């Protein structure tokens, strides 16, 4: 019998438990996060990407551009794969032939963006092609975002209306998936599971290790309550775990739950911040 309790380090369990206490002290914030549907989760990412893009193109400070350019790459890579592994399969499942057609069109658009993102992520902000390449990416991405928000997501939400809280479930799956996928563009991995899933699991640790040596925006420049940051992505968030009140017989929410091997999750207390 596999149990996450057996493989989680004492330090990680200690890091998780205090977070549970703090969230219980602020139940309103927890409930608001839990009520998010898939459209809200996707559009929130879109707003953040637009913000990071504007920070780069509207600045003349090379360090500022590099930090927000890295943040843009980090968020777009995770967002794209999250959609490909969670949202597009849901469109195919619940929207019939139309969903399959829309999902395939979206995947093709993603691939084109990934090809350009792969080039951009290897440029430095002092490269004369840095801003022009980002503008090219955004021109493609902006059209894609508009189609998703005005066509794809409303159609998906309509198809999910009779399926209870499925939209909220998809939002939760999307958020969790983003924590374990690559943070750089890998067009060769494709846009279809399960091949993309396998390739992603292989690339993610390498990407995350390299992220430790990249510059990102200071948290003070952004609102940390509203978004993820590269230095938080490797630790499981307590909101990803079941509430103990929802489990029978007072069962510990860490028992019998399928989570990554605890040995593969770094101990934050020992990391250099």
Protein backbone atom coordinates (compact mmCIF):
# COMPACT_ATOMS: atom_id res chain seq x y z
CA UNK A 1 0.00 0.00 0.00
CA UNK A 2 1.46 3.32 -1.03
CA UNK A 3 1.05 6.17 1.38
CA UNK A 4 2.26 9.72 0.98
CA UNK A 5 2.87 9.77 4.76
CA UNK A 6 5.59 7.16 4.34
CA UNK A 7 7.56 9.16 1.78
CA UNK A 8 7.03 12.77 2.84
CA UNK A 9 9.94 14.15 4.81
CA UNK A 10 9.26 15.44 8.33
CA UNK A 11 10.34 18.89 7.18
CA UNK A 12 7.82 18.96 4.34
CA UNK A 13 4.99 17.78 6.61
CA UNK A 14 5.94 20.52 9.04
CA UNK A 15 5.91 23.07 6.21
CA UNK A 16 2.45 21.98 5.09
CA UNK A 17 0.69 21.81 8.45
CA UNK A 18 1.19 25.44 9.52
CA UNK A 19 -0.25 26.56 6.18
CA UNK A 20 -3.42 24.64 6.95
CA UNK A 21 -3.80 26.56 10.20
CA UNK A 22 -3.38 29.91 8.51
CA UNK A 23 -5.98 29.12 5.87
CA UNK A 24 -8.45 28.03 8.53
CA UNK A 25 -7.95 31.43 10.12
CA UNK A 26 -9.01 33.06 6.85
CA UNK A 27 -11.86 30.89 5.52
CA UNK A 28 -13.32 33.57 3.25
CA UNK A 29 -10.21 33.68 1.04
CA UNK A 30 -10.19 29.87 0.81
CA UNK A 31 -13.84 29.69 -0.22
CA UNK A 32 -13.40 32.33 -2.91
CA UNK A 33 -10.47 30.39 -4.41
CA UNK A 34 -12.43 27.13 -4.28
CA UNK A 35 -15.40 28.65 -6.12
CA UNK A 36 -13.40 29.65 -9.21
CA UNK A 37 -14.58 28.05 -12.46
CA UNK A 38 -12.42 27.13 -15.42
CA UNK A 39 -13.19 30.35 -17.33
CA UNK A 40 -12.08 32.44 -14.35
CA UNK A 41 -8.85 30.45 -14.03
CA UNK A 42 -7.99 30.85 -17.71
CA UNK A 43 -8.85 34.54 -17.99
CA UNK A 44 -6.87 35.28 -14.82
CA UNK A 45 -3.78 33.84 -16.50
CA UNK A 46 -4.49 35.87 -19.61
CA UNK A 47 -4.60 39.10 -17.58
CA UNK A 48 -1.29 38.27 -15.93
CA UNK A 49 0.38 37.51 -19.26
CA UNK A 50 -0.81 40.85 -20.63
CA UNK A 51 0.60 42.59 -17.57
CA UNK A 52 4.02 40.93 -17.94
CA UNK A 53 4.11 41.74 -21.65
CA UNK A 54 3.36 45.41 -20.99
CA UNK A 55 6.04 45.57 -18.32
CA UNK A 56 8.62 44.52 -20.91
CA UNK A 57 7.58 46.61 -23.90
CA UNK A 58 6.89 49.78 -21.88
CA UNK A 59 10.23 49.77 -20.07
CA UNK A 60 13.69 50.87 -21.17
CA UNK A 61 15.41 49.24 -18.19
CA UNK A 62 17.16 46.07 -19.38
CA UNK A 63 17.08 44.38 -15.98
CA UNK A 64 13.36 45.08 -15.62
CA UNK A 65 12.72 43.74 -19.12
CA UNK A 66 14.70 40.57 -18.42
CA UNK A 67 12.88 39.85 -15.18
CA UNK A 68 9.41 40.31 -16.62
CA UNK A 69 10.37 38.55 -19.85
CA UNK A 70 11.37 35.52 -17.78
CA UNK A 71 8.11 35.78 -15.84
CA UNK A 72 6.20 35.90 -19.14
CA UNK A 73 7.92 32.75 -20.42
CA UNK A 74 7.41 30.94 -17.10
CA UNK A 75 3.69 31.69 -16.97
CA UNK A 76 2.94 31.14 -20.67
CA UNK A 77 4.69 27.76 -20.75
CA UNK A 78 2.74 26.50 -17.74
CA UNK A 79 -0.54 28.01 -18.92
CA UNK A 80 -0.29 26.48 -22.40
CA UNK A 81 0.44 22.96 -21.17
CA UNK A 82 -2.26 23.26 -18.52
CA UNK A 83 -4.79 24.04 -21.23
CA UNK A 84 -3.57 21.19 -23.43
CA UNK A 85 -3.78 18.62 -20.63
CA UNK A 86 -7.00 19.78 -18.95
CA UNK A 87 -9.08 22.25 -20.95
CA UNK A 88 -8.83 20.92 -24.50
CA UNK A 89 -9.60 17.30 -23.50
CA UNK A 90 -12.66 18.66 -21.66
CA UNK A 91 -13.78 20.48 -24.81
CA UNK A 92 -13.44 17.24 -26.78
CA UNK A 93 -15.30 15.26 -24.11
CA UNK A 94 -18.24 17.59 -23.49
CA UNK A 95 -18.66 19.53 -26.75
CA UNK A 96 -18.68 16.71 -29.30
CA UNK A 97 -17.33 17.23 -32.82
CA UNK A 98 -17.31 21.01 -32.46
CA UNK A 99 -15.19 20.72 -29.33
CA UNK A 100 -12.73 18.45 -31.11
CA UNK A 101 -12.39 20.91 -33.98
CA UNK A 102 -11.91 23.91 -31.69
CA UNK A 103 -9.42 22.06 -29.50
CA UNK A 104 -7.35 21.02 -32.49
CA UNK A 105 -7.32 24.59 -33.83
CA UNK A 106 -6.20 25.84 -30.42
CA UNK A 107 -3.40 23.27 -30.27
CA UNK A 108 -2.09 24.38 -33.66
CA UNK A 109 -2.10 28.00 -32.49
CA UNK A 110 -0.25 26.95 -29.34
CA UNK A 111 2.42 25.21 -31.37
CA UNK A 112 3.14 28.32 -33.42
CA UNK A 113 3.42 30.41 -30.26
CA UNK A 114 5.72 27.81 -28.67
CA UNK A 115 8.08 27.92 -31.63
CA UNK A 116 8.52 31.68 -31.22
CA UNK A 117 8.67 31.41 -27.43
CA UNK A 118 11.51 28.90 -27.69
CA UNK A 119 13.56 31.53 -29.53
CA UNK A 120 12.57 34.37 -27.21
CA UNK A 121 13.38 32.48 -24.00
CA UNK A 122 17.00 32.16 -25.13
CA UNK A 123 17.44 35.87 -25.86
CA UNK A 124 18.81 38.44 -23.44
CA UNK A 125 17.09 41.76 -22.96
CA UNK A 126 20.09 43.54 -24.52
CA UNK A 127 19.52 41.65 -27.77
CA UNK A 128 17.95 43.96 -30.40
CA UNK A 129 15.49 41.17 -31.27
CA UNK A 130 14.24 40.80 -27.69
CA UNK A 131 11.29 43.19 -27.75
CA UNK A 132 10.38 42.61 -31.43
CA UNK A 133 10.23 38.85 -30.83
CA UNK A 134 8.01 39.34 -27.78
CA UNK A 135 5.71 41.59 -29.80
CA UNK A 136 5.44 38.88 -32.45
CA UNK A 137 4.49 36.34 -29.78
CA UNK A 138 1.90 38.69 -28.32
CA UNK A 139 0.32 39.41 -31.71
CA UNK A 140 -0.31 35.67 -32.11
CA UNK A 141 -1.29 35.18 -28.50
CA UNK A 142 -3.71 38.10 -28.40
CA UNK A 143 -5.76 36.64 -31.24
CA UNK A 144 -5.74 33.24 -29.54
CA UNK A 145 -6.82 34.75 -26.21
CA UNK A 146 -9.67 36.64 -27.86
CA UNK A 147 -10.96 33.44 -29.49
CA UNK A 148 -10.75 31.50 -26.24
CA UNK A 149 -12.51 34.09 -24.13
CA UNK A 150 -15.26 34.97 -26.62
CA UNK A 151 -15.85 31.57 -28.26
CA UNK A 152 -14.25 28.52 -26.64
CA UNK A 153 -14.76 29.14 -22.93
CA UNK A 154 -18.40 30.31 -23.17
CA UNK A 155 -19.19 27.21 -25.27
CA UNK A 156 -17.45 24.95 -22.76
CA UNK A 157 -19.25 26.54 -19.80
CA UNK A 158 -22.56 26.07 -21.61
CA UNK A 159 -21.78 22.38 -22.14
CA UNK A 160 -20.90 22.01 -18.45
CA UNK A 161 -24.07 23.65 -17.09
CA UNK A 162 -25.84 20.34 -16.51
CA UNK A 163 -22.79 18.69 -14.96
CA UNK A 164 -22.81 20.13 -11.46
CA UNK A 165 -19.48 21.56 -10.33
CA UNK A 166 -17.44 20.15 -13.21
CA UNK A 167 -16.24 23.63 -14.20
CA UNK A 168 -14.83 24.16 -10.70
CA UNK A 169 -13.26 20.70 -10.80
CA UNK A 170 -11.53 21.56 -14.08
CA UNK A 171 -10.26 24.82 -12.58
CA UNK A 172 -8.74 22.88 -9.69
CA UNK A 173 -7.15 20.34 -12.04
CA UNK A 174 -5.77 23.16 -14.20
CA UNK A 175 -4.18 24.85 -11.19
CA UNK A 176 -2.62 21.61 -9.93
CA UNK A 177 -1.34 20.62 -13.37
CA UNK A 178 0.51 23.93 -13.75
CA UNK A 179 2.58 23.11 -10.68
CA UNK A 180 4.19 20.03 -12.24
CA UNK A 181 4.74 20.95 -15.89
CA UNK A 182 7.74 22.49 -17.69
CA UNK A 183 8.37 26.20 -17.25
CA UNK A 184 10.01 26.69 -20.65
CA UNK A 185 8.80 26.16 -24.19
CA UNK A 186 9.36 22.67 -25.65
CA UNK A 187 7.55 22.55 -29.03
CA UNK A 188 8.93 19.07 -29.79
CA UNK A 189 6.88 17.64 -26.91
CA UNK A 190 3.74 18.23 -28.94
CA UNK A 191 0.32 19.35 -27.73
CA UNK A 192 -1.41 16.00 -27.11
CA UNK A 193 -1.38 13.74 -24.04
CA UNK A 194 -0.08 11.22 -23.13
CA UNK A 195 3.17 11.91 -25.05
CA UNK A 196 3.20 15.55 -23.95
CA UNK A 197 2.62 14.45 -20.35
CA UNK A 198 5.60 12.08 -20.38
CA UNK A 199 7.90 14.58 -22.08
CA UNK A 200 6.75 17.28 -19.70
CA UNK A 201 7.54 15.23 -16.61
CA UNK A 202 11.04 14.66 -18.00
CA UNK A 203 11.65 18.32 -18.84
CA UNK A 204 10.06 19.95 -15.80
CA UNK A 205 12.82 19.20 -13.24
CA UNK A 206 15.49 20.55 -15.61
CA UNK A 207 13.50 23.71 -16.28
CA UNK A 208 12.87 24.29 -12.59
CA UNK A 209 16.53 23.81 -11.72
CA UNK A 210 17.55 26.35 -14.36
CA UNK A 211 14.91 28.79 -13.08
CA UNK A 212 16.91 29.06 -9.87
CA UNK A 213 19.59 30.92 -11.84
CA UNK A 214 17.24 33.24 -13.73
CA UNK A 215 16.05 36.68 -12.70
CA UNK A 216 12.37 37.19 -11.93
CA UNK A 217 10.37 40.19 -10.71
CA UNK A 218 10.56 40.99 -7.02
CA UNK A 219 7.36 39.93 -5.27
CA UNK A 220 7.01 43.48 -3.98
CA UNK A 221 6.40 44.58 -7.58
CA UNK A 222 3.37 42.31 -7.85
CA UNK A 223 0.56 41.05 -5.63
CA UNK A 224 1.70 37.63 -4.35
CA UNK A 225 -1.81 36.75 -3.18
CA UNK A 226 -3.11 36.75 -6.74
CA UNK A 227 -0.53 34.69 -8.61
CA UNK A 228 2.16 32.04 -8.51
CA UNK A 229 5.89 32.71 -8.51
CA UNK A 230 8.77 30.52 -9.67
CA UNK A 231 10.14 30.16 -6.14
CA UNK A 232 6.81 28.73 -4.89
CA UNK A 233 5.95 26.29 -7.64
CA UNK A 234 7.78 23.23 -6.32
CA UNK A 235 5.91 22.97 -3.03
CA UNK A 236 2.36 21.59 -2.82
CA UNK A 237 -0.13 24.28 -1.85
CA UNK A 238 -2.46 23.39 1.00
CA UNK A 239 -5.40 24.36 -1.18
CA UNK A 240 -4.59 21.32 -3.33
CA UNK A 241 -5.34 18.98 -0.42
CA UNK A 242 -8.82 17.85 0.70
CA UNK A 243 -10.34 19.56 3.72
CA UNK A 244 -10.17 17.16 6.67
CA UNK A 245 -13.87 17.78 7.28
CA UNK A 246 -14.63 16.20 3.91
CA UNK A 247 -12.85 12.94 4.80
CA UNK A 248 -14.49 10.13 6.83
CA UNK A 249 -13.42 9.20 10.36
CA UNK A 250 -11.06 12.15 10.71
CA UNK A 251 -8.64 10.63 8.22
CA UNK A 252 -5.47 12.63 7.68
CA UNK A 253 -5.76 14.32 4.24
CA UNK A 254 -2.23 13.18 3.39
CA UNK A 255 -3.06 9.48 3.74
CA UNK A 256 -3.88 7.46 0.64
CA UNK A 257 -3.68 10.46 -1.65
CA UNK A 258 -1.87 10.26 -4.97
CA UNK A 259 0.77 12.98 -4.83
CA UNK A 260 4.34 13.17 -6.19
CA UNK A 261 7.03 11.26 -4.37
CA UNK A 262 7.93 13.38 -1.37
CA UNK A 263 11.60 12.74 -2.05
CA UNK A 264 11.22 14.69 -5.27
CA UNK A 265 9.83 17.78 -3.54
CA UNK A 266 12.60 20.05 -2.24
CA UNK A 267 12.63 21.08 1.40
CA UNK A 268 11.94 24.81 1.24
CA UNK A 269 13.52 25.38 4.63
CA UNK A 270 16.91 24.42 3.16
CA UNK A 271 16.64 26.40 -0.06
CA UNK A 272 18.45 29.63 -0.71
CA UNK A 273 15.92 32.38 -1.35
